[in-house]
């Protein structure tokens, strides 16, 4: 009788272990996966939708500034000496304005506006009123315009005589300017196109008209009739929209959540030389599919409107942030490599720039050409 009791207890114990294994390894993960698939999709008025529309998680934008120590020596051919300053930290507040949401097509269309606000606490002793000697980005942009004119010698003479007039506060060396951080990041740095119309100022007029034609995003054209254009690196991003997105809601397949279907009503860009570089893939970098670990996802893609391209991210191990385990993804090493290292990048090559590009107008590793991206 005791043997039977032991036998029954033993069988029951094995059954309980098997049942626990089945529940723990099969049923429970399925229940959790189904629950995730139910709560994560961007269904209107859902909690995930509200958090996606107005992200509660703080997002920070950090900027490092390079102060030029020897601007006058550089003009004479010396090696540049710079000092890194930063980071100047800005907090991003994002708001997505939904234009349409169609569950049947698993598609939500929206545009997003980003507000940048200086975070003094995160920036420490640094302030937006700090003054540095920086490269005159506007002058460099004009040199690229001159490069596009295909008549180098006359155009260079035009540039040399016009620069001191466009920036009269630094006539001896207009390729470098002293400026406050707030002015060249999000403020206004003047470019004086308000010269009187005369033979002496024809150089200024030609270059200023060229700026109107190319319309770089970083330049705000004179809107008050005073003939003064203004420049800043990131003002065009502040409180403005960066296009219209149509993305997957994740209703039909939660692993597709956030994937961009179109941007500005197109699946491709028009900035580069081939479809492989113009194709839009990935998310806008603020939302990713679930089950990255469970499904062994090795690569992700994000689409960046500032770079006008999709960027590949590769898995690079695991990490812990405030007690939460996560997976680390980093930019693929070949993304910004020269064509000598990654031939697939040939379609990103600009036209030839003397002293910077290799054959065929291709840049060296780590340098990205964005002029075609930042012209309106």
Protein backbone atom coordinates (compact mmCIF):
# COMPACT_ATOMS: atom_id res chain seq x y z
CA UNK A 1 0.00 0.00 0.00
CA UNK A 2 2.86 2.31 0.86
CA UNK A 3 4.39 1.51 -2.54
CA UNK A 4 1.22 2.61 -4.28
CA UNK A 5 1.14 5.83 -2.32
CA UNK A 6 4.74 6.56 -3.23
CA UNK A 7 4.03 5.68 -6.83
CA UNK A 8 0.99 7.94 -7.02
CA UNK A 9 2.85 10.76 -5.30
CA UNK A 10 5.81 10.28 -7.65
CA UNK A 11 3.67 10.32 -10.77
CA UNK A 12 1.78 13.33 -9.48
CA UNK A 13 5.05 15.14 -8.81
CA UNK A 14 6.32 14.45 -12.33
CA UNK A 15 3.00 15.62 -13.75
CA UNK A 16 3.16 18.85 -11.74
CA UNK A 17 6.73 19.49 -12.92
CA UNK A 18 5.75 18.88 -16.54
CA UNK A 19 2.67 21.04 -16.18
CA UNK A 20 4.76 23.81 -14.63
CA UNK A 21 7.30 23.55 -17.45
CA UNK A 22 4.56 23.71 -20.08
CA UNK A 23 2.97 26.72 -18.39
CA UNK A 24 6.30 28.47 -17.79
CA UNK A 25 7.96 27.75 -21.12
CA UNK A 26 5.06 27.66 -23.54
CA UNK A 27 1.72 28.92 -22.25
CA UNK A 28 2.89 31.89 -20.15
CA UNK A 29 5.17 33.33 -22.88
CA UNK A 30 2.28 32.98 -25.35
CA UNK A 31 -0.07 34.77 -22.94
CA UNK A 32 2.47 37.56 -22.39
CA UNK A 33 3.17 37.85 -26.13
CA UNK A 34 -0.56 38.05 -26.90
CA UNK A 35 -1.03 40.67 -24.18
CA UNK A 36 1.81 42.75 -25.60
CA UNK A 37 0.32 42.44 -29.07
CA UNK A 38 -2.94 43.74 -27.63
CA UNK A 39 -1.69 46.79 -25.70
CA UNK A 40 1.25 48.07 -27.79
CA UNK A 41 -0.41 48.89 -31.18
CA UNK A 42 -1.12 52.58 -31.76
CA UNK A 43 -4.89 52.36 -31.48
CA UNK A 44 -6.57 55.71 -31.01
CA UNK A 45 -7.21 56.65 -27.36
CA UNK A 46 -5.16 53.73 -26.07
CA UNK A 47 -2.48 54.33 -23.43
CA UNK A 48 0.33 53.51 -25.88
CA UNK A 49 -1.19 55.93 -28.41
CA UNK A 50 -1.26 58.74 -25.86
CA UNK A 51 2.37 58.10 -24.86
CA UNK A 52 3.42 57.98 -28.51
CA UNK A 53 1.58 61.21 -29.35
CA UNK A 54 3.15 63.15 -26.47
CA UNK A 55 6.17 61.16 -25.24
CA UNK A 56 6.55 61.52 -21.45
CA UNK A 57 10.13 60.23 -21.47
CA UNK A 58 12.68 63.08 -21.52
CA UNK A 59 14.69 63.34 -24.73
CA UNK A 60 17.94 65.29 -24.74
CA UNK A 61 19.85 66.89 -27.60
CA UNK A 62 23.52 67.51 -26.76
CA UNK A 63 25.77 69.81 -28.78
CA UNK A 64 29.55 70.14 -28.62
CA UNK A 65 31.13 73.34 -29.93
CA UNK A 66 34.68 73.60 -31.26
CA UNK A 67 36.36 76.89 -30.34
CA UNK A 68 39.00 77.83 -32.92
CA UNK A 69 42.18 78.92 -31.14
CA UNK A 70 44.24 80.15 -34.11
CA UNK A 71 41.96 81.56 -36.84
CA UNK A 72 44.53 84.01 -38.23
CA UNK A 73 47.22 81.34 -38.42
CA UNK A 74 44.86 78.98 -40.22
CA UNK A 75 44.40 81.54 -42.99
CA UNK A 76 48.18 81.52 -43.41
CA UNK A 77 48.23 77.74 -43.77
CA UNK A 78 48.73 76.56 -40.19
CA UNK A 79 47.15 73.42 -38.79
CA UNK A 80 43.87 74.26 -37.02
CA UNK A 81 43.90 74.19 -33.23
CA UNK A 82 40.50 73.73 -31.61
CA UNK A 83 39.13 73.20 -28.12
CA UNK A 84 35.99 71.16 -27.54
CA UNK A 85 33.33 72.87 -25.42
CA UNK A 86 30.21 71.17 -24.18
CA UNK A 87 27.90 69.52 -24.05
CA UNK A 88 25.26 72.21 -24.33
CA UNK A 89 22.15 70.22 -23.51
CA UNK A 90 18.70 70.93 -24.89
CA UNK A 91 15.55 69.15 -23.86
CA UNK A 92 13.23 68.07 -26.65
CA UNK A 93 9.47 68.20 -26.30
CA UNK A 94 7.79 66.28 -29.10
CA UNK A 95 4.17 66.48 -30.16
CA UNK A 96 2.65 64.43 -32.94
CA UNK A 97 -0.36 65.83 -34.75
CA UNK A 98 -2.42 62.95 -36.13
CA UNK A 99 -3.81 63.64 -39.59
CA UNK A 100 -5.56 60.28 -40.09
CA UNK A 101 -5.69 56.80 -38.58
CA UNK A 102 -7.10 53.82 -40.46
CA UNK A 103 -7.17 50.52 -38.58
CA UNK A 104 -8.11 48.53 -41.68
CA UNK A 105 -4.93 49.62 -43.46
CA UNK A 106 -2.92 49.49 -40.23
CA UNK A 107 -1.78 53.03 -41.01
CA UNK A 108 -1.53 56.26 -39.08
CA UNK A 109 -0.53 59.54 -40.76
CA UNK A 110 0.97 62.35 -38.71
CA UNK A 111 3.43 65.18 -38.53
CA UNK A 112 5.59 65.99 -35.53
CA UNK A 113 6.76 69.24 -34.03
CA UNK A 114 9.82 69.45 -31.79
CA UNK A 115 10.52 72.20 -29.27
CA UNK A 116 14.12 72.64 -28.09
CA UNK A 117 14.70 74.28 -24.71
CA UNK A 118 18.09 74.89 -23.14
CA UNK A 119 18.60 72.79 -20.01
CA UNK A 120 20.85 74.80 -17.72
CA UNK A 121 21.05 72.11 -15.04
CA UNK A 122 22.16 69.41 -17.47
CA UNK A 123 24.65 71.82 -19.09
CA UNK A 124 26.40 72.60 -15.79
CA UNK A 125 28.45 75.81 -15.83
CA UNK A 126 27.97 76.31 -19.56
CA UNK A 127 25.50 78.95 -20.74
CA UNK A 128 24.04 80.00 -24.07
CA UNK A 129 25.79 83.35 -23.65
CA UNK A 130 29.24 81.75 -23.91
CA UNK A 131 31.19 83.32 -26.78
CA UNK A 132 33.49 81.31 -29.03
CA UNK A 133 35.38 81.76 -32.26
CA UNK A 134 33.71 79.40 -34.69
CA UNK A 135 33.90 78.57 -38.36
CA UNK A 136 31.68 80.86 -40.43
CA UNK A 137 29.25 78.25 -41.74
CA UNK A 138 27.60 80.73 -44.07
CA UNK A 139 30.90 81.53 -45.76
CA UNK A 140 31.60 77.82 -46.23
CA UNK A 141 28.14 77.37 -47.71
CA UNK A 142 28.85 80.19 -50.15
CA UNK A 143 32.12 78.53 -51.13
CA UNK A 144 30.10 75.44 -52.02
CA UNK A 145 27.78 77.61 -54.11
CA UNK A 146 30.86 78.96 -55.88
CA UNK A 147 32.04 75.39 -56.41
CA UNK A 148 28.71 74.68 -58.12
CA UNK A 149 29.17 77.57 -60.55
CA UNK A 150 31.81 75.63 -62.53
CA UNK A 151 33.79 78.81 -63.25
CA UNK A 152 36.28 78.56 -60.44
CA UNK A 153 38.76 81.40 -60.97
CA UNK A 154 36.28 84.29 -61.49
CA UNK A 155 33.98 82.85 -58.83
CA UNK A 156 36.75 82.62 -56.24
CA UNK A 157 37.64 86.27 -56.86
CA UNK A 158 33.96 87.08 -56.39
CA UNK A 159 33.93 85.25 -53.07
CA UNK A 160 37.13 86.87 -51.82
CA UNK A 161 35.85 90.40 -52.38
CA UNK A 162 32.30 89.75 -51.15
CA UNK A 163 32.98 88.06 -47.80
CA UNK A 164 34.29 91.15 -45.94
CA UNK A 165 31.18 93.07 -47.05
CA UNK A 166 28.77 90.34 -45.99
CA UNK A 167 30.37 90.18 -42.51
CA UNK A 168 31.76 93.69 -41.90
CA UNK A 169 32.37 93.05 -38.18
CA UNK A 170 35.27 90.76 -39.06
CA UNK A 171 36.63 92.03 -42.37
CA UNK A 172 40.19 90.80 -41.78
CA UNK A 173 39.17 87.16 -41.45
CA UNK A 174 35.50 86.56 -42.35
CA UNK A 175 35.93 82.77 -42.46
CA UNK A 176 35.75 82.80 -38.65
CA UNK A 177 33.31 84.64 -36.41
CA UNK A 178 32.95 85.32 -32.71
CA UNK A 179 29.44 84.41 -31.66
CA UNK A 180 27.31 83.40 -28.72
CA UNK A 181 26.24 79.78 -28.55
CA UNK A 182 22.56 80.73 -28.63
CA UNK A 183 23.06 82.77 -31.81
CA UNK A 184 24.68 80.17 -34.02
CA UNK A 185 22.71 77.19 -32.69
CA UNK A 186 19.11 78.45 -32.51
CA UNK A 187 19.28 82.24 -32.84
CA UNK A 188 20.16 84.62 -35.66
CA UNK A 189 23.55 85.40 -37.15
CA UNK A 190 23.28 88.19 -39.73
CA UNK A 191 24.50 88.06 -43.30
CA UNK A 192 24.47 91.60 -44.68
CA UNK A 193 23.01 91.52 -48.15
CA UNK A 194 21.73 95.09 -47.78
CA UNK A 195 24.49 96.63 -49.89
CA UNK A 196 23.65 99.48 -52.22
CA UNK A 197 23.24 98.43 -55.84
CA UNK A 198 26.44 99.51 -57.55
CA UNK A 199 29.29 98.12 -59.60
CA UNK A 200 31.37 97.90 -56.42
CA UNK A 201 28.80 95.64 -54.78
CA UNK A 202 27.96 93.37 -57.71
CA UNK A 203 29.88 90.55 -55.99
CA UNK A 204 27.60 90.72 -52.94
CA UNK A 205 24.45 90.84 -55.05
CA UNK A 206 25.45 87.78 -57.08
CA UNK A 207 26.16 85.66 -54.00
CA UNK A 208 23.04 86.81 -52.17
CA UNK A 209 20.90 85.94 -55.17
CA UNK A 210 22.55 82.52 -55.26
CA UNK A 211 21.51 81.99 -51.63
CA UNK A 212 17.91 82.76 -52.62
CA UNK A 213 18.11 80.16 -55.37
CA UNK A 214 19.58 77.35 -53.27
CA UNK A 215 17.50 78.23 -50.16
CA UNK A 216 19.42 76.28 -47.49
CA UNK A 217 17.33 75.33 -44.47
CA UNK A 218 19.83 76.96 -42.13
CA UNK A 219 19.30 80.41 -43.68
CA UNK A 220 16.19 82.51 -43.10
CA UNK A 221 15.84 84.87 -46.03
CA UNK A 222 15.15 88.54 -45.43
CA UNK A 223 11.47 88.87 -44.68
CA UNK A 224 11.38 92.43 -43.43
CA UNK A 225 12.76 94.23 -46.44
CA UNK A 226 16.02 95.18 -44.73
CA UNK A 227 18.19 92.96 -46.94
CA UNK A 228 19.69 91.02 -44.02
CA UNK A 229 19.52 87.23 -44.15
CA UNK A 230 20.06 85.31 -40.91
CA UNK A 231 21.66 81.97 -40.17
CA UNK A 232 21.65 79.36 -37.41
CA UNK A 233 22.40 75.66 -37.39
CA UNK A 234 19.20 74.35 -35.85
CA UNK A 235 16.56 77.08 -35.85
CA UNK A 236 14.82 75.43 -38.80
CA UNK A 237 14.17 72.42 -36.52
CA UNK A 238 12.71 74.35 -33.59
CA UNK A 239 8.89 74.31 -33.31
CA UNK A 240 8.60 73.28 -36.96
CA UNK A 241 7.36 70.16 -38.74
CA UNK A 242 9.79 67.79 -40.46
CA UNK A 243 7.40 66.28 -42.98
CA UNK A 244 4.35 64.04 -43.08
CA UNK A 245 4.80 60.43 -41.98
CA UNK A 246 2.60 57.43 -42.69
CA UNK A 247 3.55 54.52 -40.43
CA UNK A 248 2.32 51.09 -39.40
CA UNK A 249 0.11 51.11 -36.29
CA UNK A 250 1.01 47.53 -35.40
CA UNK A 251 -2.63 46.40 -35.28
CA UNK A 252 -2.30 43.60 -37.82
CA UNK A 253 1.27 42.70 -36.85
CA UNK A 254 2.79 44.30 -33.77
CA UNK A 255 6.33 43.65 -35.05
CA UNK A 256 5.66 46.22 -37.80
CA UNK A 257 4.77 49.01 -35.37
CA UNK A 258 6.34 52.33 -36.31
CA UNK A 259 7.67 51.18 -39.68
CA UNK A 260 7.48 54.07 -42.13
CA UNK A 261 5.33 53.41 -45.19
CA UNK A 262 5.79 56.86 -46.73
CA UNK A 263 7.34 60.21 -45.89
CA UNK A 264 5.85 63.23 -47.64
CA UNK A 265 3.71 60.80 -49.67
CA UNK A 266 6.68 58.91 -51.08
CA UNK A 267 8.53 55.67 -50.33
CA UNK A 268 11.75 57.15 -51.71
CA UNK A 269 13.81 60.32 -51.42
CA UNK A 270 15.13 62.34 -54.35
CA UNK A 271 18.43 63.43 -52.85
CA UNK A 272 20.81 60.68 -53.92
CA UNK A 273 22.01 58.90 -57.04
CA UNK A 274 20.18 55.57 -56.79
CA UNK A 275 17.13 53.87 -55.32
CA UNK A 276 19.26 51.95 -52.83
CA UNK A 277 20.27 55.19 -51.11
CA UNK A 278 16.90 56.90 -51.57
CA UNK A 279 14.75 54.07 -50.18
CA UNK A 280 13.07 54.86 -46.85
CA UNK A 281 13.11 52.00 -44.32
CA UNK A 282 12.76 51.74 -40.56
CA UNK A 283 11.08 53.92 -37.92
CA UNK A 284 11.53 57.54 -36.87
CA UNK A 285 13.80 56.29 -34.02
CA UNK A 286 11.26 56.87 -31.21
CA UNK A 287 9.41 53.55 -31.46
CA UNK A 288 10.63 50.02 -32.17
CA UNK A 289 9.03 46.61 -32.45
CA UNK A 290 8.80 44.32 -29.40
CA UNK A 291 10.39 40.86 -29.01
CA UNK A 292 13.86 42.03 -30.08
CA UNK A 293 15.49 39.49 -27.79
CA UNK A 294 12.96 36.68 -28.24
CA UNK A 295 13.09 36.91 -32.04
CA UNK A 296 16.86 37.40 -32.17
CA UNK A 297 16.64 40.70 -34.08
CA UNK A 298 20.21 41.61 -35.06
CA UNK A 299 19.58 44.84 -37.00
CA UNK A 300 17.21 47.80 -36.89
CA UNK A 301 16.75 50.76 -39.23
CA UNK A 302 15.90 54.36 -38.45
CA UNK A 303 15.04 57.12 -40.90
CA UNK A 304 16.60 60.51 -40.15
CA UNK A 305 15.26 63.57 -41.96
CA UNK A 306 18.32 65.69 -41.06
CA UNK A 307 20.60 63.20 -42.82
CA UNK A 308 18.05 62.39 -45.54
CA UNK A 309 18.72 58.69 -45.26
CA UNK A 310 17.92 55.48 -43.46
CA UNK A 311 20.58 54.32 -41.02
CA UNK A 312 21.29 50.73 -40.02
CA UNK A 313 21.83 49.79 -36.37
CA UNK A 314 23.43 46.51 -35.30
CA UNK A 315 23.03 44.67 -32.01
CA UNK A 316 26.02 45.28 -29.74
CA UNK A 317 25.33 43.30 -26.59
CA UNK A 318 23.21 44.03 -23.55
CA UNK A 319 23.07 46.79 -20.97
CA UNK A 320 21.28 47.85 -17.80
CA UNK A 321 19.71 51.27 -17.28
CA UNK A 322 18.33 52.12 -13.83
CA UNK A 323 17.78 48.45 -13.07
CA UNK A 324 16.12 47.67 -16.40
CA UNK A 325 17.81 45.23 -18.76
CA UNK A 326 18.03 46.24 -22.39
CA UNK A 327 19.64 45.49 -25.73
CA UNK A 328 22.21 47.89 -27.16
CA UNK A 329 22.16 48.78 -30.87
CA UNK A 330 24.84 50.94 -32.49
CA UNK A 331 25.35 52.48 -35.91
CA UNK A 332 26.75 50.06 -38.47
CA UNK A 333 30.46 50.78 -39.03
CA UNK A 334 29.99 50.89 -42.80
CA UNK A 335 27.32 53.62 -42.67
CA UNK A 336 29.70 56.58 -42.94
CA UNK A 337 32.64 54.75 -44.50
CA UNK A 338 34.27 55.93 -47.72
CA UNK A 339 33.54 54.07 -50.94
CA UNK A 340 37.00 52.55 -50.64
CA UNK A 341 35.71 50.69 -47.57
CA UNK A 342 32.05 50.34 -48.56
CA UNK A 343 31.24 50.55 -52.27
CA UNK A 344 27.50 50.73 -51.49
CA UNK A 345 28.03 54.32 -50.33
CA UNK A 346 28.91 55.52 -53.82
CA UNK A 347 25.39 56.84 -54.36
CA UNK A 348 25.91 59.25 -51.43
CA UNK A 349 28.94 60.86 -53.08
CA UNK A 350 28.57 64.58 -53.82
CA UNK A 351 30.28 66.32 -56.68
CA UNK A 352 34.00 66.95 -56.44
CA UNK A 353 35.18 69.33 -53.69
CA UNK A 354 38.85 70.26 -53.91
CA UNK A 355 40.90 68.99 -50.98
CA UNK A 356 38.03 67.06 -49.41
CA UNK A 357 36.71 64.48 -51.85
CA UNK A 358 38.35 61.48 -53.48
CA UNK A 359 37.80 60.45 -57.10
CA UNK A 360 34.24 60.77 -58.32
CA UNK A 361 33.44 63.37 -55.67
CA UNK A 362 33.40 60.78 -52.87
CA UNK A 363 34.16 61.88 -49.32
CA UNK A 364 36.62 60.38 -46.90
CA UNK A 365 35.36 58.15 -44.07
CA UNK A 366 33.42 59.93 -41.36
CA UNK A 367 32.43 62.93 -43.51
CA UNK A 368 28.82 63.30 -44.64
CA UNK A 369 27.63 65.52 -47.47
CA UNK A 370 24.30 67.15 -46.63
CA UNK A 371 24.00 70.13 -48.98
CA UNK A 372 21.53 68.32 -51.23
CA UNK A 373 19.56 67.40 -48.12
CA UNK A 374 19.42 70.89 -46.62
CA UNK A 375 18.46 72.84 -49.72
CA UNK A 376 14.75 73.47 -49.93
